[in-house]
Protein backbone atom coordinates (compact mmCIF):
# COMPACT_ATOMS: atom_id res chain seq x y z
CA MET A 1 -17.32 42.22 58.39
CA LYS A 2 -15.79 45.62 59.12
CA SER A 3 -17.58 48.95 58.98
CA VAL A 4 -15.96 52.05 57.50
CA HIS A 5 -17.03 55.66 57.02
CA LEU A 6 -15.35 57.80 54.35
CA ILE A 7 -15.38 61.57 54.93
CA GLY A 8 -15.30 63.16 51.48
CA ILE A 9 -16.49 60.01 49.74
CA CYS A 10 -17.35 61.66 46.41
CA GLY A 11 -13.76 62.37 45.47
CA THR A 12 -12.77 60.07 42.62
CA ALA A 13 -10.16 58.14 44.59
CA MET A 14 -12.30 57.96 47.72
CA ALA A 15 -15.31 56.66 45.78
CA SER A 16 -13.12 54.02 44.18
CA LEU A 17 -11.76 52.99 47.57
CA ALA A 18 -15.34 52.70 48.82
CA GLY A 19 -16.10 50.32 45.98
CA MET A 20 -12.99 48.22 46.62
CA LEU A 21 -13.77 47.92 50.33
CA LYS A 22 -17.36 46.90 49.57
CA ALA A 23 -16.03 44.27 47.16
CA ARG A 24 -13.91 42.95 50.03
CA GLY A 25 -16.98 42.59 52.25
CA TRP A 26 -16.71 45.78 54.31
CA GLU A 27 -19.82 47.68 55.39
CA VAL A 28 -19.27 51.01 53.66
CA ARG A 29 -20.87 54.41 54.04
CA GLY A 30 -19.68 57.99 53.62
CA SER A 31 -20.46 61.67 53.48
CA ASP A 32 -19.72 64.75 51.41
CA ALA A 33 -20.69 68.39 51.07
CA ALA A 34 -22.21 67.82 47.63
CA ALA A 35 -22.50 64.81 45.35
CA TYR A 36 -22.63 65.06 41.55
CA PRO A 37 -22.12 62.67 38.62
CA PRO A 38 -20.29 60.61 37.69
CA MET A 39 -19.22 59.62 41.21
CA SER A 40 -22.62 60.15 42.86
CA THR A 41 -24.35 57.80 40.42
CA PHE A 42 -21.41 55.40 40.60
CA LEU A 43 -21.69 55.12 44.38
CA ALA A 44 -25.46 54.70 44.13
CA SER A 45 -24.96 51.82 41.71
CA LEU A 46 -22.73 50.14 44.30
CA GLY A 47 -25.33 50.55 47.02
CA VAL A 48 -23.05 52.81 49.07
CA GLN A 49 -24.93 55.28 51.29
CA VAL A 50 -23.84 58.91 50.82
CA MET A 51 -24.94 61.40 53.49
CA GLN A 52 -25.10 65.13 52.80
CA PRO A 53 -23.99 67.53 54.21
CA PHE A 54 -21.22 66.83 56.72
CA ALA A 55 -22.64 66.38 60.23
CA GLU A 56 -21.62 64.72 63.48
CA HIS A 57 -24.62 62.40 63.47
CA ASN A 58 -23.37 60.84 60.21
CA LEU A 59 -20.83 58.98 62.36
CA GLU A 60 -23.47 57.30 64.52
CA PRO A 61 -23.32 54.45 65.11
CA ALA A 62 -19.55 54.67 65.25
CA PRO A 63 -17.77 52.75 62.48
CA ASP A 64 -14.75 50.53 63.06
CA LEU A 65 -12.63 52.87 60.93
CA VAL A 66 -12.86 56.38 59.45
CA VAL A 67 -11.06 57.32 56.23
CA VAL A 68 -10.36 61.05 56.04
CA GLY A 69 -10.21 62.45 52.51
CA ASN A 70 -7.42 64.82 51.60
CA ALA A 71 -9.88 67.68 51.00
CA ILE A 72 -11.03 67.50 54.63
CA SER A 73 -9.50 69.96 57.06
CA ARG A 74 -9.86 70.98 60.69
CA GLY A 75 -13.23 72.55 61.36
CA ASN A 76 -15.13 69.90 59.44
CA PRO A 77 -17.79 68.72 61.93
CA GLU A 78 -17.18 65.05 61.23
CA LEU A 79 -13.42 65.35 61.55
CA GLU A 80 -13.84 67.21 64.85
CA TYR A 81 -16.13 64.41 66.07
CA VAL A 82 -13.54 61.79 65.08
CA LEU A 83 -10.80 63.63 66.97
CA ASP A 84 -12.95 64.31 70.03
CA HIS A 85 -13.97 60.65 70.31
CA ARG A 86 -10.65 59.24 69.15
CA LEU A 87 -12.26 57.06 66.52
CA PRO A 88 -9.68 55.02 64.54
CA MET A 89 -8.80 56.98 61.40
CA THR A 90 -6.56 56.61 58.38
CA SER A 91 -6.02 58.05 54.90
CA MET A 92 -7.09 56.72 51.51
CA PRO A 93 -3.52 55.92 50.31
CA GLU A 94 -2.51 54.28 53.58
CA LEU A 95 -5.55 51.99 53.63
CA THR A 96 -5.15 51.22 49.92
CA HIS A 97 -1.58 50.06 50.50
CA LYS A 98 -2.43 48.00 53.55
CA GLU A 99 -5.55 46.29 52.20
CA PHE A 100 -4.89 45.98 48.47
CA LEU A 101 -1.30 46.61 47.34
CA THR A 102 0.53 44.32 49.72
CA GLY A 103 1.56 41.16 47.84
CA LYS A 104 0.85 42.67 44.39
CA HIS A 105 3.12 44.15 41.72
CA SER A 106 2.38 47.84 42.20
CA LEU A 107 2.32 49.62 38.83
CA VAL A 108 2.05 53.36 39.50
CA ILE A 109 1.02 55.79 36.75
CA ALA A 110 2.13 59.31 37.68
CA GLY A 111 2.57 62.74 36.14
CA THR A 112 0.99 66.17 36.01
CA HIS A 113 -1.12 65.24 32.99
CA GLY A 114 -2.57 62.09 31.47
CA LYS A 115 -2.37 59.75 34.43
CA THR A 116 -6.08 58.88 34.57
CA THR A 117 -6.25 57.97 30.87
CA THR A 118 -2.90 56.14 30.97
CA THR A 119 -3.97 54.17 34.04
CA SER A 120 -7.18 53.21 32.24
CA MET A 121 -5.28 52.16 29.10
CA THR A 122 -2.77 50.11 31.09
CA SER A 123 -5.50 48.39 33.08
CA TRP A 124 -7.43 47.58 29.91
CA ILE A 125 -4.37 46.12 28.16
CA PHE A 126 -3.65 43.85 31.12
CA ALA A 127 -7.31 42.84 31.40
CA ALA A 128 -7.70 42.17 27.66
CA ALA A 129 -4.59 39.99 27.81
CA GLY A 130 -6.23 37.86 30.51
CA ARG A 131 -4.04 39.05 33.37
CA ARG A 132 -6.95 39.90 35.70
CA PRO A 133 -5.36 43.05 37.13
CA SER A 134 -6.67 44.99 40.08
CA PHE A 135 -6.78 48.71 39.43
CA LEU A 136 -7.66 52.06 40.97
CA ILE A 137 -8.33 54.94 38.56
CA GLY A 138 -9.23 58.57 39.21
CA GLY A 139 -12.19 58.36 36.83
CA ILE A 140 -14.70 55.96 35.31
CA ALA A 141 -12.97 53.84 32.64
CA GLU A 142 -15.62 53.18 30.00
CA ASN A 143 -14.26 49.74 29.10
CA PHE A 144 -14.95 48.60 32.65
CA GLY A 145 -17.80 50.92 33.62
CA SER A 146 -15.88 51.35 36.84
CA SER A 147 -12.93 53.12 38.42
CA PHE A 148 -11.66 50.07 40.28
CA ALA A 149 -11.34 46.31 40.27
CA VAL A 150 -10.29 43.87 42.97
CA SER A 151 -9.02 40.78 41.14
CA ASP A 152 -6.76 37.80 41.73
CA GLY A 153 -4.09 38.68 39.14
CA PRO A 154 -0.57 39.56 40.27
CA GLU A 155 -0.61 43.22 39.15
CA PHE A 156 -2.29 46.25 40.69
CA VAL A 157 -2.40 49.26 38.35
CA ILE A 158 -2.89 52.46 40.30
CA GLU A 159 -3.10 56.15 39.48
CA GLY A 160 -0.38 57.89 41.47
CA ASP A 161 -1.56 61.32 42.56
CA GLU A 162 1.03 63.89 43.67
CA TYR A 163 -1.57 65.74 45.74
CA ASP A 164 -1.30 65.53 49.53
CA THR A 165 -2.57 62.55 51.51
CA ALA A 166 -4.58 63.96 54.43
CA PHE A 167 -4.62 66.85 56.89
CA PHE A 168 -2.28 64.82 59.11
CA ASP A 169 -0.02 63.64 56.25
CA LYS A 170 0.98 66.35 53.77
CA GLY A 171 3.17 64.09 51.64
CA PRO A 172 2.06 63.00 48.14
CA LYS A 173 -0.38 60.10 47.90
CA PHE A 174 1.86 58.13 45.56
CA LEU A 175 4.60 57.71 48.18
CA HIS A 176 2.32 55.20 49.93
CA TYR A 177 2.16 52.92 46.88
CA PHE A 178 5.76 51.58 46.86
CA PRO A 179 5.93 51.01 43.09
CA ASP A 180 7.51 48.06 41.32
CA ALA A 181 7.25 50.09 38.11
CA VAL A 182 6.35 53.68 37.26
CA ILE A 183 5.08 55.51 34.19
CA LEU A 184 5.97 59.22 34.40
CA THR A 185 4.00 61.19 31.83
CA ALA A 186 4.85 64.83 32.53
CA VAL A 187 6.12 67.11 35.28
CA GLU A 188 4.88 70.69 35.51
CA PHE A 189 3.94 73.13 38.24
CA ASP A 190 0.46 72.46 39.60
CA HIS A 191 -1.41 72.29 42.91
CA ALA A 192 -0.33 75.76 43.96
CA ASP A 193 -2.05 75.28 47.31
CA ILE A 194 0.30 72.41 48.14
CA TYR A 195 3.57 73.08 46.31
CA ARG A 196 5.37 76.39 46.65
CA ASP A 197 7.09 76.16 43.25
CA LEU A 198 8.20 73.84 40.43
CA GLU A 199 11.23 72.66 42.41
CA ALA A 200 8.95 71.31 45.12
CA VAL A 201 6.90 69.45 42.51
CA LYS A 202 10.01 67.92 40.96
CA PHE A 203 11.27 66.88 44.39
CA ALA A 204 8.05 64.91 44.97
CA PHE A 205 8.43 63.02 41.69
CA LYS A 206 12.10 62.35 42.40
CA ARG A 207 11.06 60.76 45.69
CA LEU A 208 8.62 58.51 43.80
CA VAL A 209 11.31 57.39 41.34
CA ASN A 210 13.63 56.72 44.27
CA LEU A 211 11.16 54.14 45.61
CA VAL A 212 11.40 51.91 42.53
CA PRO A 213 13.62 48.86 43.25
CA ARG A 214 16.57 47.91 41.04
CA ARG A 215 14.55 45.08 39.50
CA GLY A 216 11.80 47.55 38.60
CA ARG A 217 11.38 49.89 35.65
CA VAL A 218 10.52 53.50 34.86
CA ILE A 219 8.79 54.41 31.60
CA ALA A 220 9.27 58.16 31.16
CA TRP A 221 8.29 60.74 28.54
CA ASP A 222 11.32 62.22 26.83
CA GLY A 223 9.68 65.46 25.73
CA HIS A 224 10.56 67.69 28.68
CA GLU A 225 13.64 68.45 30.74
CA ASN A 226 11.66 68.29 34.00
CA VAL A 227 10.97 64.59 33.46
CA THR A 228 14.60 63.99 32.52
CA GLU A 229 15.71 65.59 35.77
CA CYS A 230 13.27 63.54 37.84
CA VAL A 231 14.43 60.16 36.47
CA ALA A 232 18.16 60.97 36.29
CA LYS A 233 19.07 59.15 39.51
CA ALA A 234 16.85 56.10 39.18
CA PHE A 235 18.37 52.83 40.41
CA CYS A 236 16.38 50.80 37.88
CA PRO A 237 16.26 50.76 34.06
CA VAL A 238 14.63 53.85 32.55
CA GLU A 239 12.95 53.62 29.14
CA ARG A 240 12.03 56.90 27.45
CA TYR A 241 9.11 57.27 25.04
CA GLY A 242 8.17 60.02 22.63
CA PHE A 243 8.92 61.46 19.19
CA ARG A 244 12.69 61.93 19.46
CA GLU A 245 14.93 59.98 17.09
CA ASP A 246 16.78 58.43 20.03
CA SER A 247 13.63 57.47 21.98
CA PHE A 248 13.74 53.93 23.35
CA TRP A 249 10.05 53.80 22.37
CA ARG A 250 9.79 56.07 19.34
CA ILE A 251 6.45 57.19 17.88
CA VAL A 252 6.35 57.65 14.08
CA ASN A 253 3.84 57.98 11.24
CA VAL A 254 0.97 59.39 13.28
CA GLN A 255 -2.25 59.84 11.31
CA TYR A 256 -5.28 61.68 12.69
CA GLU A 257 -8.51 60.64 10.98
CA SER A 258 -12.08 61.70 11.66
CA THR A 259 -12.90 58.62 13.74
CA ARG A 260 -9.54 57.13 14.71
CA THR A 261 -5.82 57.74 15.21
CA LEU A 262 -3.06 55.48 13.84
CA TRP A 263 0.65 55.34 14.59
CA THR A 264 3.72 53.12 14.63
CA VAL A 265 6.07 52.45 17.55
CA LEU A 266 9.74 51.56 17.21
CA ARG A 267 11.55 49.85 20.08
CA GLU A 268 15.26 50.70 20.10
CA GLY A 269 14.96 51.70 16.45
CA LYS A 270 13.22 48.49 15.32
CA HIS A 271 9.56 48.06 14.42
CA PHE A 272 7.54 47.08 17.47
CA ALA A 273 3.89 47.46 16.48
CA ASP A 274 1.31 49.41 14.53
CA PHE A 275 -1.46 50.81 16.69
CA ALA A 276 -4.88 52.36 16.08
CA PHE A 277 -7.66 53.47 18.39
CA PRO A 278 -10.74 55.72 18.30
CA LEU A 279 -9.29 58.48 20.51
CA ALA A 280 -8.09 61.87 19.29
CA GLY A 281 -4.99 63.86 20.19
CA GLU A 282 -1.22 63.56 20.29
CA TYR A 283 -1.28 63.31 24.07
CA ASN A 284 -3.39 60.15 23.85
CA VAL A 285 -0.87 58.64 21.43
CA LEU A 286 1.81 59.33 24.05
CA ASN A 287 -0.33 57.90 26.85
CA ALA A 288 -1.05 54.72 24.88
CA THR A 289 2.61 54.25 23.95
CA ALA A 290 3.64 54.49 27.60
CA ALA A 291 0.97 51.94 28.56
CA ALA A 292 2.16 49.63 25.77
CA ALA A 293 5.77 49.89 26.94
CA LEU A 294 4.88 48.94 30.50
CA ALA A 295 2.65 46.09 29.37
CA PHE A 296 5.42 44.66 27.20
CA SER A 297 7.82 44.68 30.15
CA TYR A 298 5.31 42.42 31.93
CA GLY A 299 5.20 39.89 29.11
CA ILE A 300 2.20 41.10 27.11
CA THR A 301 2.81 40.72 23.37
CA PRO A 302 2.62 43.52 20.77
CA ARG A 303 -0.33 41.74 19.14
CA GLU A 304 -2.25 41.63 22.44
CA ILE A 305 -1.45 45.29 23.12
CA ALA A 306 -2.62 46.38 19.66
CA ALA A 307 -5.85 44.41 19.98
CA ALA A 308 -6.58 45.98 23.38
CA LEU A 309 -5.88 49.54 22.24
CA SER A 310 -8.08 49.15 19.18
CA GLY A 311 -10.99 48.53 21.53
CA PHE A 312 -10.15 51.16 24.13
CA LYS A 313 -13.13 53.45 24.70
CA SER A 314 -11.75 56.28 26.89
CA VAL A 315 -12.59 57.64 30.34
CA LYS A 316 -15.61 59.56 31.52
CA ARG A 317 -15.01 63.32 31.27
CA ARG A 318 -12.05 62.92 28.90
CA LEU A 319 -13.16 64.28 25.51
CA GLU A 320 -16.53 62.74 26.28
CA VAL A 321 -19.31 63.59 23.86
CA ARG A 322 -22.17 64.44 26.21
CA ALA A 323 -24.75 65.45 23.63
CA GLU A 324 -25.38 66.35 20.01
CA VAL A 325 -28.35 68.68 19.77
CA LYS A 326 -29.49 70.56 16.67
CA GLY A 327 -26.09 70.01 15.06
CA VAL A 328 -24.14 71.26 18.11
CA THR A 329 -21.67 68.81 19.64
CA ILE A 330 -21.11 69.21 23.40
CA ILE A 331 -17.85 67.82 24.80
CA ASP A 332 -17.03 67.29 28.49
CA ASP A 333 -13.35 67.35 29.40
CA PHE A 334 -11.59 67.43 32.77
CA ALA A 335 -8.83 69.75 31.48
CA HIS A 336 -8.06 72.42 34.08
CA HIS A 337 -4.35 73.18 33.55
CA PRO A 338 -3.19 75.31 30.57
CA THR A 339 -1.15 72.44 29.10
CA ALA A 340 -4.13 70.09 29.28
CA ILE A 341 -6.50 72.74 27.92
CA ALA A 342 -4.20 73.36 24.96
CA ALA A 343 -3.90 69.62 24.26
CA THR A 344 -7.66 69.14 24.44
CA LEU A 345 -8.46 72.03 22.11
CA THR A 346 -5.73 70.93 19.67
CA ALA A 347 -7.19 67.43 19.59
CA LEU A 348 -10.69 68.76 18.99
CA ARG A 349 -9.48 70.99 16.16
CA ALA A 350 -8.03 67.93 14.44
CA ARG A 351 -11.06 65.72 15.10
CA TYR A 352 -13.63 68.38 14.12
CA ALA A 353 -11.69 70.19 11.42
CA GLY A 354 -13.44 73.19 9.88
CA ARG A 355 -16.01 73.55 12.66
CA ARG A 356 -16.32 76.50 15.04
CA LEU A 357 -14.81 75.55 18.40
CA TRP A 358 -16.03 77.02 21.69
CA ALA A 359 -14.05 76.75 24.92
CA VAL A 360 -16.20 77.11 28.05
CA PHE A 361 -13.84 77.11 31.03
CA GLU A 362 -14.45 77.15 34.78
CA PRO A 363 -11.38 78.37 36.77
CA ARG A 364 -12.04 76.02 39.66
CA SER A 365 -8.87 74.20 40.71
CA ASN A 366 -6.67 75.62 43.45
CA THR A 367 -4.05 76.45 40.83
CA MET A 368 -6.29 77.97 38.17
CA ARG A 369 -8.06 80.23 40.67
CA ARG A 370 -4.66 81.86 41.12
CA ASN A 371 -2.83 84.12 38.68
CA VAL A 372 0.21 81.86 38.31
CA PHE A 373 -0.66 80.73 34.77
CA HIS A 374 -2.17 83.88 33.28
CA GLY A 375 -0.06 83.92 30.09
CA GLU A 376 -0.23 80.18 29.57
CA LEU A 377 -4.02 80.21 29.96
CA VAL A 378 -4.41 82.89 27.32
CA GLU A 379 -2.24 80.90 24.89
CA ALA A 380 -4.19 77.72 25.55
CA LEU A 381 -7.65 79.28 25.17
CA ALA A 382 -6.53 81.07 22.01
CA LYS A 383 -6.76 77.71 20.24
CA ALA A 384 -10.56 78.09 20.28
CA ASN A 385 -12.68 80.34 18.05
CA ARG A 386 -14.91 81.53 20.89
CA VAL A 387 -14.14 81.57 24.62
CA VAL A 388 -16.45 81.76 27.63
CA LEU A 389 -15.13 81.93 31.19
CA ALA A 390 -17.10 81.42 34.35
CA SER A 391 -16.26 83.75 37.19
CA VAL A 392 -13.50 82.37 39.41
CA PHE A 393 -14.87 79.60 41.62
CA PHE A 394 -15.06 80.81 45.20
CA LYS A 395 -14.58 78.60 48.23
CA THR A 396 -15.91 79.58 51.64
CA THR A 397 -12.49 78.69 53.07
CA ASP A 398 -10.73 80.83 50.48
CA ALA A 399 -7.79 82.79 51.86
CA LEU A 400 -6.71 84.21 48.49
CA ARG A 401 -6.12 87.93 48.34
CA GLU A 402 -7.61 89.82 45.42
CA ASP A 403 -4.19 90.29 43.81
CA GLU A 404 -3.54 86.53 44.01
CA ARG A 405 -6.66 85.55 42.07
CA LEU A 406 -6.84 84.95 38.37
CA ASP A 407 -7.82 88.20 36.69
CA VAL A 408 -10.49 87.01 34.27
CA SER A 409 -10.94 90.48 32.79
CA ARG A 410 -7.27 90.54 31.73
CA VAL A 411 -7.58 87.11 30.12
CA LEU A 412 -10.65 88.26 28.20
CA ALA A 413 -9.00 91.52 27.12
CA GLU A 414 -5.96 89.72 25.72
CA LEU A 415 -8.09 87.18 23.87
CA ASN A 416 -10.32 89.89 22.40
CA ALA A 417 -7.23 91.81 21.33
CA ARG A 418 -6.28 88.76 19.26
CA GLY A 419 -9.65 88.77 17.56
CA ILE A 420 -11.04 85.87 19.61
CA ALA A 421 -14.47 86.74 20.99
CA ALA A 422 -14.30 86.08 24.73
CA GLU A 423 -16.79 86.79 27.50
CA GLU A 424 -17.35 86.15 31.21
CA HIS A 425 -20.52 85.05 32.98
CA LYS A 426 -21.02 84.42 36.66
CA ASP A 427 -22.22 80.80 36.57
CA ALA A 428 -23.52 77.93 34.45
CA ALA A 429 -27.04 79.29 34.15
CA ALA A 430 -25.78 82.65 32.92
CA ILE A 431 -23.43 80.97 30.45
CA VAL A 432 -26.21 78.85 28.98
CA SER A 433 -28.53 81.85 28.62
CA ALA A 434 -25.79 83.85 26.90
CA ILE A 435 -24.44 81.32 24.42
CA VAL A 436 -27.47 79.31 23.34
CA PRO A 437 -28.73 82.11 21.04
CA GLN A 438 -25.23 82.32 19.52
CA LEU A 439 -24.77 78.61 18.78
CA ARG A 440 -25.31 77.26 15.29
CA ALA A 441 -25.30 73.86 13.64
CA GLY A 442 -21.73 72.53 13.30
CA ASP A 443 -20.42 74.19 16.46
CA VAL A 444 -18.35 72.16 18.93
CA VAL A 445 -18.58 73.26 22.57
CA ALA A 446 -15.77 72.04 24.85
CA ILE A 447 -16.76 72.39 28.50
CA LEU A 448 -13.59 72.40 30.60
CA SER A 449 -13.80 71.91 34.37
CA ASN A 450 -12.63 69.63 37.15
CA GLY A 451 -15.95 69.96 38.98
CA GLY A 452 -19.69 69.80 38.47
CA PHE A 453 -19.78 73.28 36.86
CA GLY A 454 -23.28 73.97 38.15
CA GLY A 455 -24.86 71.22 36.07
CA ILE A 456 -23.97 72.88 32.77
CA TYR A 457 -23.57 69.46 31.13
CA GLU A 458 -27.31 68.92 31.49
CA LYS A 459 -28.49 72.55 31.26
CA LEU A 460 -26.88 73.33 27.91
CA PRO A 461 -28.36 70.38 25.96
CA ALA A 462 -31.75 70.99 27.57
CA ALA A 463 -31.72 74.65 26.53
CA LEU A 464 -30.80 73.72 22.97
CA GLU A 465 -33.59 71.14 22.86
CA ALA A 466 -36.04 73.79 23.94
CA LEU A 467 -35.27 76.04 21.00
CA PRO A 468 -38.04 76.27 18.42
């Protein structure tokens, strides 16, 4: 039995690692500044102790090993204690590789968008085909009720995050995973606190592709030149997927219905399979096609793939219906990049055609708190009928100058000029108070955030229930 303490345990990857270590027989505990669902309830269900807030005494008695989350920086009291006492420490990706990936086929799902859903789809296809995969996902896959599995099958499906590894290792997490195969969904500028520009982002993905051995495979979206550039020098076969006529895996005949989506996939111009699943959105069709392509390369048949996809349920916080109260449908989605916001709102427009669509967005991520995507954000939010923005999320460690921050008032002015009613409120409570009187039966409210958003997911349904 080994004991381990995870600093920043409520991050999705860190919580999953905690679960995997516990499954391996480790004594696991951790700490965080604040815990909120779904990861807080997930850890509680595993019997993992979570201490709040960060404090030196959380490390007593001293564990055999400390895992330092990538959000933890110098000045954190626990990190300072670890350094002062020279406790053995490591990072989440390094420990994952050492304890779980060694001896497995490492299947890495990477890209700016869609990697959590695609990792979940791939894991489910392998599991439904009886392959007993291990997996590590940056979210709770509803088919498993978990974000991880430690199994005896030969494959390990892992979400490959391009974000940095730890305060002592500023390289991308996915470089620790040494992939046998890669799915590359999209490459765009993101993580403005880590990458100086798009070229730096592309360089990171090129490094990932360069790790794939000649016997391996890269499944890459063919819808953007950035992806094409990143896979151009691969030493292994590269199979492109998308809607182009020359796609190796070509998507045709897509049909969006009220409760399901159907499409056909051609492989090198010949019929491969007809697919259907309950999810909405073109981006999910792309994600599923990429997962299918990788599964087929590992010997899973088109029939098995189609059967698995038909029963795929989705991922927590990805177009998740949180409540339906008095005819108002409340959707929770993790979208926090303009491309993802646009894709989410487009999917909801198709799924809930003819209904008034609200976009309630929290500018929380390190990229969206900056003004780098002002124009793109306006275009994305313009796909809604009504828009509500929370004030820019402020971090106590924030070093952003005023002129570097997203100018919410400009975003609102441009949306209002287009005839889209848009407003700003300081926090979740203020948003709920402002919009509840305006909501009517048939409305769809998409809540878009990569954080807890002040408990709005519970506060909004409760306020609607309280209406006379």
